[in-house]
Amino acid sequence: MKLVIASRNAGKLAEYQALLADLPIEIVSLAHYPEIGEIPETGKDFFANAAQKAETVAHITGQWTLADDSGLEVDALGGRPGVYSARFAGEDADDAKNNEKLLKLLQDVPAGKRTARFRAVIALAHKERQTQFAEGVCEGLITFAPQGSGGFGYDPLFFYPPAGKTFAQMTKEEKNKISHRAQALSKVKLLLAQIVR
C-alpha cells in the first residue's frame, strides 16, 4: 500500500516514516507529485483544513492520503490563534513575530489565566472511502518570555507542567512522547493497521 503525506516538509515525512516503519506501507510526500500545487487552507477549523488537503490529494493521486493541521489555542484569547497559528502576526510572519504578538496580547494576563493547548488533527482520505480523523491535544500554559532553544513555532512559550519545562526545553524524544501530533499519529497508526490487514 502507498500512503501520500500531503506535505513537502521533509521533517514531517521523516516523522511519519519513523512512526509507521513497522507497517507494510510505502510512504511518499508531495515531492513525488510536483504537478500538485499549493492547497489553500480555507477551513474554519483544524478538521476542515486537514480534510481539504487530504481529500484534494487523494482525489488527484488515487492513493490513500494523510494530511494534518495543528495550532495553538489560548483560553484568554478565546481560542486564538487557532487555525491562524502559523500566520498570527500576518501572512509573512515568522515564529519570532508570532511569539512576540502572543506575548504582547497576554502581557496583562496573570500566570493562572494563561492556559492553552496545542491541538493537532490528522485526516486520512481515499477517494472511494469516507475520510477518517484522529485528534491529539496537549494542555499547558503560556510563559511570560521564551524559554529554551529547541523545537519551532510556539514551543519556547508553551510550558508543559508535568515535565516542568517548555516544549523548546525538551529533547525531541521527550516532546514526541507527549505532543499533540504524537497523540494524533498514534491514533492514525491504528486506523492504518486496520486498512493494511
N, C-alpha and C. Protein backbone atom coordinates (compact mmCIF):
# COMPACT_ATOMS: atom_id res chain seq x y z
N MET A 1 0.85 -1.19 0.00
CA MET A 1 0.00 0.00 0.00
C MET A 1 0.89 1.24 0.00
N LYS A 2 0.45 2.24 -0.77
CA LYS A 2 1.16 3.52 -0.81
C LYS A 2 0.35 4.54 -0.02
N LEU A 3 1.05 5.36 0.76
CA LEU A 3 0.42 6.42 1.53
C LEU A 3 1.10 7.74 1.19
N VAL A 4 0.31 8.72 0.74
CA VAL A 4 0.86 10.03 0.40
C VAL A 4 0.68 10.96 1.60
N ILE A 5 1.77 11.59 2.02
CA ILE A 5 1.69 12.61 3.06
C ILE A 5 1.52 13.94 2.33
N ALA A 6 0.40 14.62 2.58
CA ALA A 6 0.08 15.85 1.85
C ALA A 6 0.90 17.02 2.37
N SER A 7 2.21 16.91 2.17
CA SER A 7 3.15 17.94 2.62
C SER A 7 4.44 17.78 1.84
N ARG A 8 5.18 18.88 1.71
CA ARG A 8 6.52 18.81 1.10
C ARG A 8 7.59 18.92 2.18
N ASN A 9 7.18 18.95 3.43
CA ASN A 9 8.08 19.12 4.56
C ASN A 9 8.84 17.81 4.81
N ALA A 10 10.16 17.84 4.59
CA ALA A 10 10.98 16.62 4.73
C ALA A 10 10.99 16.12 6.17
N GLY A 11 10.98 17.05 7.14
CA GLY A 11 10.96 16.67 8.54
C GLY A 11 9.69 15.93 8.92
N LYS A 12 8.58 16.42 8.41
CA LYS A 12 7.28 15.78 8.68
C LYS A 12 7.24 14.38 8.05
N LEU A 13 7.78 14.27 6.83
CA LEU A 13 7.82 12.98 6.15
C LEU A 13 8.64 11.98 6.97
N ALA A 14 9.80 12.41 7.46
CA ALA A 14 10.66 11.53 8.25
C ALA A 14 9.96 11.09 9.54
N GLU A 15 9.21 12.01 10.15
CA GLU A 15 8.46 11.69 11.37
C GLU A 15 7.44 10.58 11.10
N TYR A 16 6.70 10.73 10.02
CA TYR A 16 5.70 9.71 9.67
C TYR A 16 6.37 8.38 9.32
N GLN A 17 7.48 8.44 8.57
CA GLN A 17 8.17 7.21 8.19
C GLN A 17 8.67 6.44 9.42
N ALA A 18 9.17 7.18 10.40
CA ALA A 18 9.67 6.54 11.63
C ALA A 18 8.54 5.89 12.41
N LEU A 19 7.44 6.60 12.56
CA LEU A 19 6.33 6.09 13.36
C LEU A 19 5.65 4.90 12.69
N LEU A 20 5.58 4.90 11.37
CA LEU A 20 4.85 3.85 10.64
C LEU A 20 5.77 2.78 10.05
N ALA A 21 7.02 2.77 10.50
CA ALA A 21 8.03 1.87 9.92
C ALA A 21 7.65 0.40 10.00
N ASP A 22 6.89 0.02 11.01
CA ASP A 22 6.56 -1.40 11.18
C ASP A 22 5.31 -1.83 10.41
N LEU A 23 4.73 -0.92 9.65
CA LEU A 23 3.57 -1.27 8.82
C LEU A 23 4.03 -1.45 7.37
N PRO A 24 3.40 -2.35 6.60
CA PRO A 24 3.80 -2.57 5.20
C PRO A 24 3.26 -1.47 4.28
N ILE A 25 3.81 -0.28 4.47
CA ILE A 25 3.32 0.90 3.73
C ILE A 25 4.51 1.63 3.10
N GLU A 26 4.34 2.01 1.83
CA GLU A 26 5.33 2.87 1.18
C GLU A 26 4.86 4.31 1.37
N ILE A 27 5.68 5.11 2.02
CA ILE A 27 5.28 6.48 2.34
C ILE A 27 6.01 7.46 1.43
N VAL A 28 5.23 8.30 0.76
CA VAL A 28 5.79 9.33 -0.12
C VAL A 28 5.17 10.68 0.24
N SER A 29 5.84 11.73 -0.20
CA SER A 29 5.32 13.08 0.07
C SER A 29 4.87 13.75 -1.22
N LEU A 30 4.45 14.99 -1.12
CA LEU A 30 4.04 15.74 -2.31
C LEU A 30 5.22 16.03 -3.23
N ALA A 31 6.44 15.82 -2.73
CA ALA A 31 7.62 15.99 -3.59
C ALA A 31 7.57 15.00 -4.76
N HIS A 32 6.86 13.88 -4.59
CA HIS A 32 6.69 12.90 -5.66
C HIS A 32 5.63 13.33 -6.68
N TYR A 33 4.89 14.38 -6.34
CA TYR A 33 3.79 14.85 -7.21
C TYR A 33 3.95 16.36 -7.47
N PRO A 34 4.96 16.75 -8.26
CA PRO A 34 5.21 18.18 -8.49
C PRO A 34 4.05 18.90 -9.17
N GLU A 35 3.17 18.11 -9.84
CA GLU A 35 2.03 18.75 -10.52
C GLU A 35 0.98 19.28 -9.55
N ILE A 36 1.04 18.83 -8.29
CA ILE A 36 0.07 19.32 -7.29
C ILE A 36 0.64 20.58 -6.66
N GLY A 37 -0.04 21.68 -6.86
CA GLY A 37 0.42 22.96 -6.32
C GLY A 37 0.05 23.14 -4.85
N GLU A 38 0.12 24.37 -4.39
CA GLU A 38 -0.25 24.67 -3.01
C GLU A 38 -1.75 24.46 -2.83
N ILE A 39 -2.12 23.84 -1.75
CA ILE A 39 -3.54 23.62 -1.45
C ILE A 39 -3.95 24.64 -0.40
N PRO A 40 -4.87 25.55 -0.73
CA PRO A 40 -5.24 26.59 0.23
C PRO A 40 -5.95 26.00 1.45
N GLU A 41 -5.69 26.61 2.61
CA GLU A 41 -6.36 26.20 3.85
C GLU A 41 -7.42 27.24 4.16
N THR A 42 -8.65 26.96 3.75
CA THR A 42 -9.72 27.94 3.92
C THR A 42 -10.75 27.49 4.95
N GLY A 43 -10.48 26.37 5.63
CA GLY A 43 -11.42 25.84 6.62
C GLY A 43 -11.51 26.70 7.86
N LYS A 44 -12.62 26.55 8.58
CA LYS A 44 -12.83 27.32 9.81
C LYS A 44 -12.24 26.62 11.04
N ASP A 45 -11.82 25.33 10.87
CA ASP A 45 -11.20 24.63 11.99
C ASP A 45 -10.16 23.64 11.47
N PHE A 46 -9.46 23.00 12.39
CA PHE A 46 -8.38 22.07 12.02
C PHE A 46 -8.91 20.88 11.22
N PHE A 47 -10.10 20.39 11.57
CA PHE A 47 -10.69 19.26 10.86
C PHE A 47 -10.91 19.60 9.39
N ALA A 48 -11.49 20.78 9.14
CA ALA A 48 -11.79 21.18 7.77
C ALA A 48 -10.52 21.35 6.94
N ASN A 49 -9.50 21.97 7.53
CA ASN A 49 -8.24 22.17 6.80
C ASN A 49 -7.54 20.86 6.49
N ALA A 50 -7.49 19.96 7.48
CA ALA A 50 -6.84 18.66 7.27
C ALA A 50 -7.58 17.87 6.19
N ALA A 51 -8.91 17.88 6.25
CA ALA A 51 -9.72 17.16 5.26
C ALA A 51 -9.54 17.75 3.87
N GLN A 52 -9.50 19.06 3.78
CA GLN A 52 -9.35 19.74 2.49
C GLN A 52 -8.07 19.29 1.80
N LYS A 53 -6.97 19.25 2.55
CA LYS A 53 -5.69 18.85 1.98
C LYS A 53 -5.69 17.35 1.62
N ALA A 54 -6.13 16.52 2.57
CA ALA A 54 -6.09 15.07 2.34
C ALA A 54 -6.99 14.65 1.18
N GLU A 55 -8.20 15.19 1.14
CA GLU A 55 -9.16 14.80 0.10
C GLU A 55 -8.73 15.29 -1.28
N THR A 56 -8.17 16.49 -1.34
CA THR A 56 -7.69 17.03 -2.62
C THR A 56 -6.61 16.13 -3.21
N VAL A 57 -5.63 15.78 -2.38
CA VAL A 57 -4.50 14.97 -2.85
C VAL A 57 -4.95 13.54 -3.16
N ALA A 58 -5.84 12.97 -2.33
CA ALA A 58 -6.34 11.62 -2.56
C ALA A 58 -7.08 11.54 -3.89
N HIS A 59 -7.85 12.57 -4.21
CA HIS A 59 -8.61 12.59 -5.47
C HIS A 59 -7.67 12.65 -6.68
N ILE A 60 -6.61 13.46 -6.56
CA ILE A 60 -5.67 13.63 -7.68
C ILE A 60 -4.82 12.38 -7.87
N THR A 61 -4.34 11.79 -6.77
CA THR A 61 -3.39 10.68 -6.88
C THR A 61 -4.06 9.30 -6.92
N GLY A 62 -5.28 9.21 -6.41
CA GLY A 62 -5.94 7.92 -6.30
C GLY A 62 -5.38 7.05 -5.18
N GLN A 63 -4.53 7.63 -4.33
CA GLN A 63 -3.89 6.88 -3.24
C GLN A 63 -4.47 7.30 -1.88
N TRP A 64 -4.26 6.44 -0.88
CA TRP A 64 -4.55 6.85 0.49
C TRP A 64 -3.68 8.06 0.80
N THR A 65 -4.27 9.06 1.43
CA THR A 65 -3.54 10.30 1.72
C THR A 65 -3.78 10.73 3.16
N LEU A 66 -2.72 11.24 3.75
CA LEU A 66 -2.77 11.72 5.13
C LEU A 66 -2.36 13.18 5.15
N ALA A 67 -3.12 14.00 5.85
CA ALA A 67 -2.78 15.43 5.99
C ALA A 67 -3.10 15.87 7.41
N ASP A 68 -2.34 16.83 7.89
CA ASP A 68 -2.63 17.31 9.24
C ASP A 68 -2.72 18.82 9.29
N ASP A 69 -3.39 19.30 10.31
CA ASP A 69 -3.43 20.73 10.60
C ASP A 69 -3.36 20.85 12.11
N SER A 70 -2.62 21.82 12.58
CA SER A 70 -2.46 21.95 14.02
C SER A 70 -2.21 23.40 14.39
N GLY A 71 -2.34 23.69 15.67
CA GLY A 71 -2.10 25.04 16.13
C GLY A 71 -2.27 25.17 17.62
N LEU A 72 -2.13 26.39 18.08
CA LEU A 72 -2.19 26.73 19.50
C LEU A 72 -3.51 27.43 19.81
N GLU A 73 -4.17 27.01 20.87
CA GLU A 73 -5.41 27.65 21.32
C GLU A 73 -5.18 28.21 22.72
N VAL A 74 -5.33 29.53 22.85
CA VAL A 74 -5.10 30.21 24.13
C VAL A 74 -6.44 30.65 24.70
N ASP A 75 -6.76 30.18 25.91
CA ASP A 75 -8.07 30.45 26.50
C ASP A 75 -8.34 31.94 26.70
N ALA A 76 -7.34 32.69 27.15
CA ALA A 76 -7.52 34.13 27.41
C ALA A 76 -7.78 34.91 26.13
N LEU A 77 -7.49 34.29 24.98
CA LEU A 77 -7.72 34.94 23.68
C LEU A 77 -8.90 34.29 22.94
N GLY A 78 -9.75 33.60 23.69
CA GLY A 78 -10.93 32.99 23.08
C GLY A 78 -10.60 31.87 22.11
N GLY A 79 -9.46 31.20 22.32
CA GLY A 79 -9.07 30.09 21.44
C GLY A 79 -8.14 30.50 20.31
N ARG A 80 -7.86 31.79 20.19
CA ARG A 80 -6.90 32.22 19.17
C ARG A 80 -5.49 31.84 19.63
N PRO A 81 -4.53 31.73 18.72
CA PRO A 81 -4.61 31.91 17.27
C PRO A 81 -5.28 30.78 16.50
N GLY A 82 -5.39 29.58 17.08
CA GLY A 82 -6.14 28.51 16.40
C GLY A 82 -5.63 28.19 15.01
N VAL A 83 -6.57 28.15 14.04
CA VAL A 83 -6.17 27.79 12.66
C VAL A 83 -5.25 28.84 12.03
N TYR A 84 -5.13 30.00 12.67
CA TYR A 84 -4.26 31.06 12.14
C TYR A 84 -2.90 31.07 12.84
N SER A 85 -2.56 30.00 13.55
CA SER A 85 -1.32 29.96 14.33
C SER A 85 -0.08 30.31 13.52
N ALA A 86 0.04 29.76 12.32
CA ALA A 86 1.24 29.98 11.51
C ALA A 86 1.32 31.40 10.96
N ARG A 87 0.18 32.07 10.83
CA ARG A 87 0.16 33.43 10.27
C ARG A 87 -0.50 34.43 11.22
N PHE A 88 -0.32 34.19 12.51
CA PHE A 88 -0.96 35.01 13.55
C PHE A 88 -0.57 36.48 13.45
N ALA A 89 0.70 36.74 13.15
CA ALA A 89 1.18 38.12 13.06
C ALA A 89 1.18 38.64 11.63
N GLY A 90 0.47 37.94 10.72
CA GLY A 90 0.40 38.36 9.32
C GLY A 90 0.86 37.26 8.39
N GLU A 91 0.52 37.40 7.12
CA GLU A 91 0.83 36.36 6.13
C GLU A 91 2.31 36.05 6.02
N ASP A 92 3.17 37.07 6.20
CA ASP A 92 4.62 36.88 6.06
C ASP A 92 5.31 36.70 7.41
N ALA A 93 4.53 36.42 8.46
CA ALA A 93 5.08 36.33 9.80
C ALA A 93 5.97 35.09 9.97
N ASP A 94 6.98 35.23 10.83
CA ASP A 94 7.80 34.07 11.19
C ASP A 94 7.51 33.73 12.66
N ASP A 95 8.18 32.69 13.16
CA ASP A 95 7.94 32.24 14.53
C ASP A 95 8.16 33.38 15.55
N ALA A 96 9.24 34.13 15.36
CA ALA A 96 9.57 35.20 16.31
C ALA A 96 8.47 36.25 16.36
N LYS A 97 7.94 36.65 15.20
CA LYS A 97 6.87 37.67 15.17
C LYS A 97 5.58 37.14 15.78
N ASN A 98 5.26 35.86 15.50
CA ASN A 98 4.06 35.26 16.10
C ASN A 98 4.17 35.20 17.62
N ASN A 99 5.34 34.80 18.11
CA ASN A 99 5.55 34.72 19.55
C ASN A 99 5.49 36.10 20.20
N GLU A 100 6.06 37.07 19.52
CA GLU A 100 6.06 38.45 20.03
C GLU A 100 4.62 38.97 20.15
N LYS A 101 3.81 38.72 19.14
CA LYS A 101 2.42 39.16 19.17
C LYS A 101 1.65 38.47 20.30
N LEU A 102 1.87 37.17 20.46
CA LEU A 102 1.19 36.43 21.52
C LEU A 102 1.54 36.99 22.90
N LEU A 103 2.82 37.22 23.15
CA LEU A 103 3.24 37.75 24.45
C LEU A 103 2.66 39.14 24.70
N LYS A 104 2.61 39.94 23.65
CA LYS A 104 2.06 41.30 23.80
C LYS A 104 0.58 41.25 24.17
N LEU A 105 -0.18 40.38 23.51
CA LEU A 105 -1.61 40.26 23.79
C LEU A 105 -1.87 39.71 25.21
N LEU A 106 -0.90 38.95 25.74
CA LEU A 106 -1.08 38.34 27.06
C LEU A 106 -0.33 39.08 28.17
N GLN A 107 0.21 40.26 27.87
CA GLN A 107 1.08 40.92 28.84
C GLN A 107 0.40 41.23 30.18
N ASP A 108 -0.92 41.45 30.18
CA ASP A 108 -1.63 41.75 31.43
C ASP A 108 -2.37 40.55 32.01
N VAL A 109 -2.16 39.39 31.42
CA VAL A 109 -2.86 38.18 31.88
C VAL A 109 -1.98 37.47 32.92
N PRO A 110 -2.52 37.26 34.14
CA PRO A 110 -1.72 36.63 35.20
C PRO A 110 -1.43 35.16 34.93
N ALA A 111 -0.45 34.62 35.64
CA ALA A 111 0.04 33.25 35.42
C ALA A 111 -1.07 32.20 35.39
N GLY A 112 -1.98 32.26 36.34
CA GLY A 112 -3.03 31.24 36.43
C GLY A 112 -4.05 31.28 35.32
N LYS A 113 -4.07 32.36 34.55
CA LYS A 113 -5.05 32.51 33.48
C LYS A 113 -4.44 32.33 32.09
N ARG A 114 -3.22 31.82 32.03
CA ARG A 114 -2.52 31.69 30.75
C ARG A 114 -2.60 30.26 30.20
N THR A 115 -3.72 29.60 30.46
CA THR A 115 -3.92 28.23 29.99
C THR A 115 -4.05 28.18 28.47
N ALA A 116 -3.53 27.10 27.89
CA ALA A 116 -3.54 26.96 26.44
C ALA A 116 -3.37 25.48 26.10
N ARG A 117 -3.58 25.17 24.84
CA ARG A 117 -3.34 23.80 24.39
C ARG A 117 -2.88 23.80 22.93
N PHE A 118 -2.05 22.84 22.62
CA PHE A 118 -1.72 22.54 21.23
C PHE A 118 -2.71 21.48 20.78
N ARG A 119 -3.28 21.67 19.60
CA ARG A 119 -4.22 20.69 19.05
C ARG A 119 -3.76 20.30 17.64
N ALA A 120 -3.79 19.01 17.36
CA ALA A 120 -3.46 18.50 16.02
C ALA A 120 -4.57 17.60 15.54
N VAL A 121 -4.95 17.76 14.28
CA VAL A 121 -5.95 16.90 13.66
C VAL A 121 -5.33 16.31 12.39
N ILE A 122 -5.40 14.99 12.26
CA ILE A 122 -4.91 14.31 11.07
C ILE A 122 -6.10 13.69 10.34
N ALA A 123 -6.15 13.93 9.04
CA ALA A 123 -7.20 13.35 8.19
C ALA A 123 -6.58 12.27 7.32
N LEU A 124 -7.27 11.14 7.22
CA LEU A 124 -6.86 10.03 6.37
C LEU A 124 -7.94 9.85 5.31
N ALA A 125 -7.57 10.07 4.04
CA ALA A 125 -8.58 10.11 2.98
C ALA A 125 -8.26 9.15 1.83
N HIS A 126 -9.32 8.68 1.20
CA HIS A 126 -9.23 7.90 -0.05
C HIS A 126 -10.47 8.27 -0.84
N LYS A 127 -10.33 8.38 -2.17
CA LYS A 127 -11.46 8.89 -2.95
C LYS A 127 -12.67 7.96 -2.94
N GLU A 128 -12.47 6.71 -2.55
CA GLU A 128 -13.61 5.78 -2.50
C GLU A 128 -14.06 5.44 -1.08
N ARG A 129 -13.50 6.13 -0.09
CA ARG A 129 -13.85 5.85 1.30
C ARG A 129 -14.15 7.15 2.04
N GLN A 130 -14.83 7.01 3.15
CA GLN A 130 -15.13 8.19 3.97
C GLN A 130 -13.86 8.62 4.73
N THR A 131 -13.59 9.90 4.76
CA THR A 131 -12.41 10.42 5.45
C THR A 131 -12.51 10.14 6.95
N GLN A 132 -11.40 9.69 7.52
CA GLN A 132 -11.34 9.42 8.96
C GLN A 132 -10.39 10.42 9.61
N PHE A 133 -10.62 10.70 10.90
CA PHE A 133 -9.84 11.71 11.60
C PHE A 133 -9.24 11.15 12.89
N ALA A 134 -8.11 11.71 13.27
CA ALA A 134 -7.50 11.44 14.57
C ALA A 134 -7.08 12.78 15.15
N GLU A 135 -7.30 12.95 16.46
CA GLU A 135 -7.01 14.23 17.10
C GLU A 135 -6.12 14.02 18.32
N GLY A 136 -5.21 14.94 18.53
CA GLY A 136 -4.37 14.93 19.73
C GLY A 136 -4.36 16.31 20.36
N VAL A 137 -4.39 16.35 21.69
CA VAL A 137 -4.41 17.62 22.42
C VAL A 137 -3.41 17.55 23.56
N CYS A 138 -2.62 18.61 23.72
CA CYS A 138 -1.66 18.69 24.82
C CYS A 138 -1.90 20.00 25.57
N GLU A 139 -2.25 19.90 26.86
CA GLU A 139 -2.57 21.07 27.67
C GLU A 139 -1.32 21.67 28.31
N GLY A 140 -1.30 23.01 28.41
CA GLY A 140 -0.16 23.67 29.04
C GLY A 140 -0.47 25.10 29.40
N LEU A 141 0.59 25.88 29.58
CA LEU A 141 0.49 27.30 29.96
C LEU A 141 1.43 28.11 29.08
N ILE A 142 1.08 29.38 28.87
CA ILE A 142 1.96 30.27 28.10
C ILE A 142 2.86 31.02 29.08
N THR A 143 4.15 30.96 28.83
CA THR A 143 5.12 31.62 29.70
C THR A 143 5.11 33.14 29.45
N PHE A 144 5.89 33.86 30.28
CA PHE A 144 5.97 35.32 30.12
C PHE A 144 7.12 35.73 29.20
N ALA A 145 7.99 34.77 28.89
CA ALA A 145 9.13 35.02 27.99
C ALA A 145 9.56 33.68 27.40
N PRO A 146 10.20 33.70 26.22
CA PRO A 146 10.66 32.45 25.62
C PRO A 146 11.64 31.71 26.52
N GLN A 147 11.53 30.38 26.53
CA GLN A 147 12.45 29.54 27.32
C GLN A 147 12.84 28.33 26.48
N GLY A 148 14.14 28.16 26.27
CA GLY A 148 14.62 27.02 25.51
C GLY A 148 14.91 27.38 24.07
N SER A 149 15.73 26.54 23.42
CA SER A 149 16.15 26.84 22.05
C SER A 149 15.76 25.74 21.06
N GLY A 150 15.09 24.70 21.53
CA GLY A 150 14.69 23.61 20.64
C GLY A 150 13.33 23.87 20.02
N GLY A 151 12.87 22.89 19.24
CA GLY A 151 11.52 22.97 18.68
C GLY A 151 11.36 24.09 17.67
N PHE A 152 10.11 24.49 17.48
CA PHE A 152 9.79 25.53 16.50
C PHE A 152 8.44 26.14 16.89
N GLY A 153 8.02 27.14 16.15
CA GLY A 153 6.70 27.76 16.41
C GLY A 153 6.61 28.34 17.81
N TYR A 154 5.55 27.96 18.51
CA TYR A 154 5.30 28.50 19.85
C TYR A 154 5.95 27.67 20.95
N ASP A 155 6.80 26.70 20.58
CA ASP A 155 7.41 25.81 21.58
C ASP A 155 8.11 26.54 22.73
N PRO A 156 8.84 27.67 22.48
CA PRO A 156 9.53 28.35 23.58
C PRO A 156 8.57 28.99 24.59
N LEU A 157 7.30 29.16 24.21
CA LEU A 157 6.32 29.80 25.10
C LEU A 157 5.36 28.80 25.73
N PHE A 158 5.39 27.55 25.27
CA PHE A 158 4.42 26.55 25.73
C PHE A 158 5.03 25.70 26.84
N PHE A 159 4.59 25.97 28.07
CA PHE A 159 5.09 25.28 29.26
C PHE A 159 4.20 24.08 29.55
N TYR A 160 4.84 22.91 29.69
CA TYR A 160 4.11 21.67 29.95
C TYR A 160 4.32 21.28 31.41
N PRO A 161 3.33 21.55 32.30
CA PRO A 161 3.52 21.37 33.74
C PRO A 161 4.04 19.99 34.18
N PRO A 162 3.55 18.86 33.64
CA PRO A 162 4.07 17.58 34.12
C PRO A 162 5.58 17.41 33.95
N ALA A 163 6.15 18.06 32.93
CA ALA A 163 7.60 17.96 32.69
C ALA A 163 8.36 19.10 33.36
N GLY A 164 7.65 20.17 33.72
CA GLY A 164 8.30 21.32 34.36
C GLY A 164 9.15 22.13 33.41
N LYS A 165 8.83 22.06 32.10
CA LYS A 165 9.59 22.84 31.13
C LYS A 165 8.77 23.09 29.87
N THR A 166 9.29 23.98 29.04
CA THR A 166 8.61 24.28 27.78
C THR A 166 8.94 23.20 26.75
N PHE A 167 8.16 23.17 25.67
CA PHE A 167 8.45 22.25 24.57
C PHE A 167 9.85 22.51 24.01
N ALA A 168 10.28 23.78 24.01
CA ALA A 168 11.59 24.14 23.45
C ALA A 168 12.73 23.70 24.36
N GLN A 169 12.44 23.37 25.62
CA GLN A 169 13.47 22.89 26.55
C GLN A 169 13.56 21.36 26.56
N MET A 170 12.64 20.70 25.86
CA MET A 170 12.63 19.24 25.82
C MET A 170 13.51 18.72 24.70
N THR A 171 13.96 17.47 24.87
CA THR A 171 14.61 16.79 23.75
C THR A 171 13.51 16.42 22.75
N LYS A 172 13.91 16.12 21.54
CA LYS A 172 12.94 15.71 20.52
C LYS A 172 12.19 14.46 20.98
N GLU A 173 12.93 13.54 21.63
CA GLU A 173 12.33 12.29 22.11
C GLU A 173 11.28 12.55 23.19
N GLU A 174 11.60 13.47 24.11
CA GLU A 174 10.64 13.81 25.18
C GLU A 174 9.36 14.40 24.59
N LYS A 175 9.53 15.35 23.68
CA LYS A 175 8.39 16.02 23.07
C LYS A 175 7.54 15.04 22.27
N ASN A 176 8.20 14.14 21.55
CA ASN A 176 7.47 13.21 20.69
C ASN A 176 6.69 12.15 21.46
N LYS A 177 6.91 12.06 22.76
CA LYS A 177 6.13 11.12 23.56
C LYS A 177 4.80 11.72 24.02
N ILE A 178 4.76 13.04 24.15
CA ILE A 178 3.57 13.67 24.76
C ILE A 178 2.88 14.70 23.88
N SER A 179 3.48 15.08 22.77
CA SER A 179 2.93 16.17 21.97
C SER A 179 1.58 15.83 21.35
N HIS A 180 0.88 16.88 20.98
CA HIS A 180 -0.42 16.75 20.31
C HIS A 180 -0.29 15.95 19.03
N ARG A 181 0.78 16.19 18.25
CA ARG A 181 0.97 15.47 16.99
C ARG A 181 1.26 14.00 17.24
N ALA A 182 2.07 13.71 18.27
CA ALA A 182 2.39 12.32 18.60
C ALA A 182 1.12 11.56 18.98
N GLN A 183 0.24 12.21 19.74
CA GLN A 183 -1.02 11.57 20.14
C GLN A 183 -1.88 11.25 18.92
N ALA A 184 -2.01 12.24 18.03
CA ALA A 184 -2.83 12.04 16.82
C ALA A 184 -2.22 10.96 15.93
N LEU A 185 -0.89 10.96 15.82
CA LEU A 185 -0.20 9.97 14.98
C LEU A 185 -0.42 8.55 15.49
N SER A 186 -0.40 8.38 16.81
CA SER A 186 -0.59 7.02 17.34
C SER A 186 -1.99 6.51 17.03
N LYS A 187 -2.98 7.42 17.00
CA LYS A 187 -4.36 7.02 16.65
C LYS A 187 -4.46 6.69 15.15
N VAL A 188 -3.76 7.47 14.32
CA VAL A 188 -3.77 7.21 12.87
C VAL A 188 -3.12 5.87 12.57
N LYS A 189 -2.10 5.53 13.33
CA LYS A 189 -1.41 4.26 13.11
C LYS A 189 -2.38 3.09 13.29
N LEU A 190 -3.28 3.20 14.26
CA LEU A 190 -4.29 2.16 14.48
C LEU A 190 -5.23 2.06 13.28
N LEU A 191 -5.62 3.21 12.73
CA LEU A 191 -6.50 3.22 11.54
C LEU A 191 -5.81 2.55 10.36
N LEU A 192 -4.53 2.89 10.15
CA LEU A 192 -3.79 2.34 9.03
C LEU A 192 -3.56 0.84 9.19
N ALA A 193 -3.34 0.40 10.42
CA ALA A 193 -3.12 -1.02 10.67
C ALA A 193 -4.34 -1.83 10.27
N GLN A 194 -5.54 -1.26 10.47
CA GLN A 194 -6.78 -1.95 10.08
C GLN A 194 -6.90 -2.02 8.56
N ILE A 195 -6.47 -0.96 7.87
CA ILE A 195 -6.58 -0.91 6.40
C ILE A 195 -5.64 -1.91 5.73
N VAL A 196 -4.43 -2.05 6.25
CA VAL A 196 -3.44 -2.91 5.59
C VAL A 196 -3.55 -4.38 6.03
N ARG A 197 -4.43 -4.68 6.98
CA ARG A 197 -4.60 -6.07 7.45
C ARG A 197 -4.99 -6.99 6.33
